[in-house]
N, C-alpha and C. Protein backbone atom coordinates (compact mmCIF):
# COMPACT_ATOMS: atom_id res chain seq x y z
N MET A 1 -46.47 25.28 -58.06
CA MET A 1 -45.22 24.55 -57.98
C MET A 1 -44.44 24.64 -59.30
N ALA A 2 -45.17 24.55 -60.41
CA ALA A 2 -44.50 24.62 -61.71
C ALA A 2 -43.91 26.00 -61.95
N ASP A 3 -44.57 27.05 -61.40
CA ASP A 3 -44.05 28.41 -61.57
C ASP A 3 -42.68 28.56 -60.92
N LYS A 4 -42.53 27.97 -59.76
CA LYS A 4 -41.24 28.04 -59.06
C LYS A 4 -40.16 27.33 -59.87
N ALA A 5 -40.49 26.19 -60.41
CA ALA A 5 -39.53 25.44 -61.22
C ALA A 5 -39.20 26.20 -62.50
N GLN A 6 -40.20 26.84 -63.11
CA GLN A 6 -39.94 27.62 -64.32
C GLN A 6 -39.03 28.80 -64.03
N GLU A 7 -39.20 29.42 -62.90
CA GLU A 7 -38.31 30.53 -62.51
C GLU A 7 -36.89 30.02 -62.29
N ARG A 8 -36.76 28.85 -61.71
CA ARG A 8 -35.42 28.26 -61.53
C ARG A 8 -34.77 28.00 -62.87
N ILE A 9 -35.56 27.53 -63.84
CA ILE A 9 -35.02 27.27 -65.17
C ILE A 9 -34.58 28.59 -65.82
N LYS A 10 -35.38 29.64 -65.68
CA LYS A 10 -35.01 30.95 -66.23
C LYS A 10 -33.69 31.44 -65.62
N TYR A 11 -33.57 31.30 -64.30
CA TYR A 11 -32.35 31.73 -63.62
C TYR A 11 -31.14 30.92 -64.10
N GLN A 12 -31.31 29.60 -64.16
CA GLN A 12 -30.21 28.74 -64.58
C GLN A 12 -29.82 29.03 -66.03
N THR A 13 -30.80 29.33 -66.88
CA THR A 13 -30.51 29.63 -68.28
C THR A 13 -29.75 30.95 -68.41
N GLU A 14 -30.13 31.95 -67.64
CA GLU A 14 -29.39 33.22 -67.66
C GLU A 14 -27.96 33.01 -67.17
N ARG A 15 -27.81 32.19 -66.17
CA ARG A 15 -26.48 31.87 -65.65
C ARG A 15 -25.65 31.17 -66.72
N TRP A 16 -26.29 30.26 -67.48
CA TRP A 16 -25.62 29.52 -68.56
C TRP A 16 -25.13 30.51 -69.62
N ARG A 17 -25.99 31.46 -70.00
CA ARG A 17 -25.60 32.45 -71.01
C ARG A 17 -24.42 33.28 -70.53
N PHE A 18 -24.46 33.71 -69.28
CA PHE A 18 -23.36 34.49 -68.72
C PHE A 18 -22.05 33.69 -68.75
N LEU A 19 -22.11 32.43 -68.38
CA LEU A 19 -20.91 31.60 -68.38
C LEU A 19 -20.37 31.41 -69.79
N CYS A 20 -21.24 31.27 -70.77
CA CYS A 20 -20.79 31.15 -72.16
C CYS A 20 -20.06 32.41 -72.61
N LEU A 21 -20.65 33.57 -72.32
CA LEU A 21 -20.00 34.83 -72.69
C LEU A 21 -18.66 35.01 -71.97
N LEU A 22 -18.63 34.63 -70.71
CA LEU A 22 -17.40 34.73 -69.94
C LEU A 22 -16.32 33.82 -70.51
N THR A 23 -16.70 32.63 -70.93
CA THR A 23 -15.75 31.69 -71.52
C THR A 23 -15.16 32.24 -72.81
N VAL A 24 -16.00 32.82 -73.66
CA VAL A 24 -15.51 33.41 -74.90
C VAL A 24 -14.56 34.57 -74.61
N ALA A 25 -14.91 35.40 -73.65
CA ALA A 25 -14.07 36.55 -73.31
C ALA A 25 -12.71 36.12 -72.76
N VAL A 26 -12.72 35.17 -71.84
CA VAL A 26 -11.46 34.71 -71.24
C VAL A 26 -10.61 33.98 -72.28
N GLY A 27 -11.25 33.13 -73.07
CA GLY A 27 -10.50 32.41 -74.10
C GLY A 27 -9.91 33.36 -75.14
N GLY A 28 -10.70 34.35 -75.56
CA GLY A 28 -10.20 35.33 -76.53
C GLY A 28 -9.05 36.16 -75.96
N GLY A 29 -9.16 36.54 -74.71
CA GLY A 29 -8.08 37.28 -74.07
C GLY A 29 -6.81 36.47 -73.97
N SER A 30 -6.98 35.19 -73.67
CA SER A 30 -5.81 34.31 -73.57
C SER A 30 -5.12 34.15 -74.92
N LEU A 31 -5.92 33.99 -75.97
CA LEU A 31 -5.32 33.87 -77.30
C LEU A 31 -4.63 35.16 -77.73
N SER A 32 -5.21 36.30 -77.38
CA SER A 32 -4.56 37.56 -77.75
C SER A 32 -3.23 37.73 -77.03
N LEU A 33 -3.14 37.20 -75.81
CA LEU A 33 -1.85 37.24 -75.10
C LEU A 33 -0.81 36.39 -75.80
N LEU A 34 -1.24 35.27 -76.36
CA LEU A 34 -0.30 34.39 -77.05
C LEU A 34 0.19 34.98 -78.38
N LEU A 35 -0.63 35.83 -78.99
CA LEU A 35 -0.27 36.40 -80.29
C LEU A 35 0.67 37.60 -80.18
N GLY A 36 0.87 38.10 -78.97
CA GLY A 36 1.76 39.26 -78.79
C GLY A 36 3.22 38.83 -78.71
N THR A 37 4.05 39.78 -78.32
CA THR A 37 5.47 39.47 -78.16
C THR A 37 5.66 38.43 -77.07
N PRO A 38 6.38 37.37 -77.36
CA PRO A 38 6.50 36.29 -76.37
C PRO A 38 7.38 36.68 -75.18
N THR A 39 6.78 36.73 -74.02
CA THR A 39 7.52 36.91 -72.77
C THR A 39 7.00 35.86 -71.79
N LEU A 40 7.78 35.61 -70.78
CA LEU A 40 7.39 34.61 -69.79
C LEU A 40 6.12 35.02 -69.06
N PHE A 41 5.99 36.30 -68.76
CA PHE A 41 4.81 36.81 -68.05
C PHE A 41 3.55 36.62 -68.90
N ARG A 42 3.63 36.99 -70.17
CA ARG A 42 2.48 36.83 -71.07
C ARG A 42 2.11 35.36 -71.23
N ALA A 43 3.10 34.52 -71.36
CA ALA A 43 2.83 33.09 -71.51
C ALA A 43 2.15 32.54 -70.25
N GLY A 44 2.60 32.98 -69.09
CA GLY A 44 1.98 32.54 -67.83
C GLY A 44 0.53 32.98 -67.74
N LEU A 45 0.27 34.23 -68.10
CA LEU A 45 -1.10 34.72 -68.09
C LEU A 45 -1.97 33.97 -69.10
N ALA A 46 -1.43 33.69 -70.26
CA ALA A 46 -2.18 32.96 -71.28
C ALA A 46 -2.50 31.55 -70.81
N ILE A 47 -1.56 30.90 -70.18
CA ILE A 47 -1.80 29.55 -69.66
C ILE A 47 -2.87 29.57 -68.58
N LEU A 48 -2.80 30.55 -67.68
CA LEU A 48 -3.84 30.68 -66.65
C LEU A 48 -5.20 30.94 -67.28
N GLY A 49 -5.24 31.77 -68.31
CA GLY A 49 -6.49 32.05 -69.00
C GLY A 49 -7.05 30.82 -69.68
N LEU A 50 -6.19 30.04 -70.30
CA LEU A 50 -6.65 28.82 -70.97
C LEU A 50 -7.14 27.78 -69.95
N LEU A 51 -6.48 27.70 -68.81
CA LEU A 51 -6.96 26.81 -67.75
C LEU A 51 -8.32 27.27 -67.23
N ALA A 52 -8.48 28.58 -67.08
CA ALA A 52 -9.77 29.12 -66.65
C ALA A 52 -10.85 28.80 -67.68
N THR A 53 -10.50 28.85 -68.95
CA THR A 53 -11.45 28.53 -70.01
C THR A 53 -11.89 27.07 -69.92
N VAL A 54 -10.96 26.17 -69.67
CA VAL A 54 -11.31 24.75 -69.53
C VAL A 54 -12.24 24.55 -68.34
N VAL A 55 -11.94 25.21 -67.23
CA VAL A 55 -12.81 25.10 -66.05
C VAL A 55 -14.20 25.65 -66.35
N LEU A 56 -14.27 26.79 -67.03
CA LEU A 56 -15.57 27.37 -67.38
C LEU A 56 -16.36 26.46 -68.30
N ILE A 57 -15.70 25.78 -69.22
CA ILE A 57 -16.39 24.84 -70.11
C ILE A 57 -16.98 23.70 -69.29
N ALA A 58 -16.25 23.22 -68.30
CA ALA A 58 -16.78 22.16 -67.44
C ALA A 58 -17.98 22.66 -66.64
N VAL A 59 -17.93 23.88 -66.16
CA VAL A 59 -19.05 24.45 -65.41
C VAL A 59 -20.27 24.62 -66.32
N ILE A 60 -20.04 25.05 -67.56
CA ILE A 60 -21.14 25.20 -68.52
C ILE A 60 -21.79 23.85 -68.79
N TRP A 61 -20.98 22.81 -68.96
CA TRP A 61 -21.52 21.48 -69.22
C TRP A 61 -22.39 21.03 -68.03
N ARG A 62 -21.91 21.26 -66.83
CA ARG A 62 -22.68 20.88 -65.64
C ARG A 62 -23.97 21.69 -65.53
N GLN A 63 -23.88 22.97 -65.86
CA GLN A 63 -25.06 23.83 -65.85
C GLN A 63 -26.10 23.35 -66.85
N ASP A 64 -25.65 22.93 -68.01
CA ASP A 64 -26.56 22.42 -69.03
C ASP A 64 -27.28 21.17 -68.53
N ARG A 65 -26.55 20.28 -67.89
CA ARG A 65 -27.16 19.06 -67.33
C ARG A 65 -28.20 19.42 -66.27
N ARG A 66 -27.92 20.45 -65.49
CA ARG A 66 -28.86 20.87 -64.44
C ARG A 66 -30.15 21.42 -65.05
N ILE A 67 -30.02 22.20 -66.11
CA ILE A 67 -31.20 22.75 -66.78
C ILE A 67 -32.04 21.63 -67.37
N VAL A 68 -31.41 20.67 -67.99
CA VAL A 68 -32.14 19.53 -68.57
C VAL A 68 -32.87 18.77 -67.47
N ALA A 69 -32.24 18.57 -66.34
CA ALA A 69 -32.89 17.87 -65.23
C ALA A 69 -34.10 18.64 -64.71
N LEU A 70 -33.99 19.96 -64.63
CA LEU A 70 -35.12 20.78 -64.19
C LEU A 70 -36.28 20.70 -65.18
N ILE A 71 -35.98 20.71 -66.46
CA ILE A 71 -37.03 20.60 -67.47
C ILE A 71 -37.72 19.24 -67.37
N GLU A 72 -36.94 18.19 -67.18
CA GLU A 72 -37.53 16.86 -67.03
C GLU A 72 -38.40 16.79 -65.77
N GLN A 73 -37.98 17.46 -64.72
CA GLN A 73 -38.75 17.50 -63.49
C GLN A 73 -40.11 18.17 -63.72
N ILE A 74 -40.12 19.25 -64.46
CA ILE A 74 -41.37 19.96 -64.73
C ILE A 74 -42.30 19.08 -65.57
N THR A 75 -41.75 18.43 -66.57
CA THR A 75 -42.60 17.60 -67.43
C THR A 75 -43.19 16.42 -66.66
N LYS A 76 -42.46 15.89 -65.70
CA LYS A 76 -42.98 14.78 -64.87
C LYS A 76 -44.08 15.28 -63.95
N GLU A 77 -43.94 16.51 -63.43
CA GLU A 77 -44.94 17.06 -62.53
C GLU A 77 -46.25 17.37 -63.27
N GLU A 78 -46.14 17.76 -64.52
CA GLU A 78 -47.33 18.11 -65.29
C GLU A 78 -48.14 16.89 -65.69
N VAL A 79 -47.49 15.75 -65.79
CA VAL A 79 -48.20 14.53 -66.22
C VAL A 79 -48.98 13.92 -65.13
């Protein structure tokens, strides 16, 4: 039973890492759009990118809480 939970934690942790990298990439792309020549199209894309970054940060926070809950579950099962 603990092996299954450990595999879930590994999967969730890999997912967390991917989301972190995705957040940095999207946020960096959005900032680079803002640093270019100001046009309405670029500003719209940058705003969408920044909104996506905020959503990804919320998903990362939720993912972190899920990983912590899984770890607590394993420690309770072992006791």
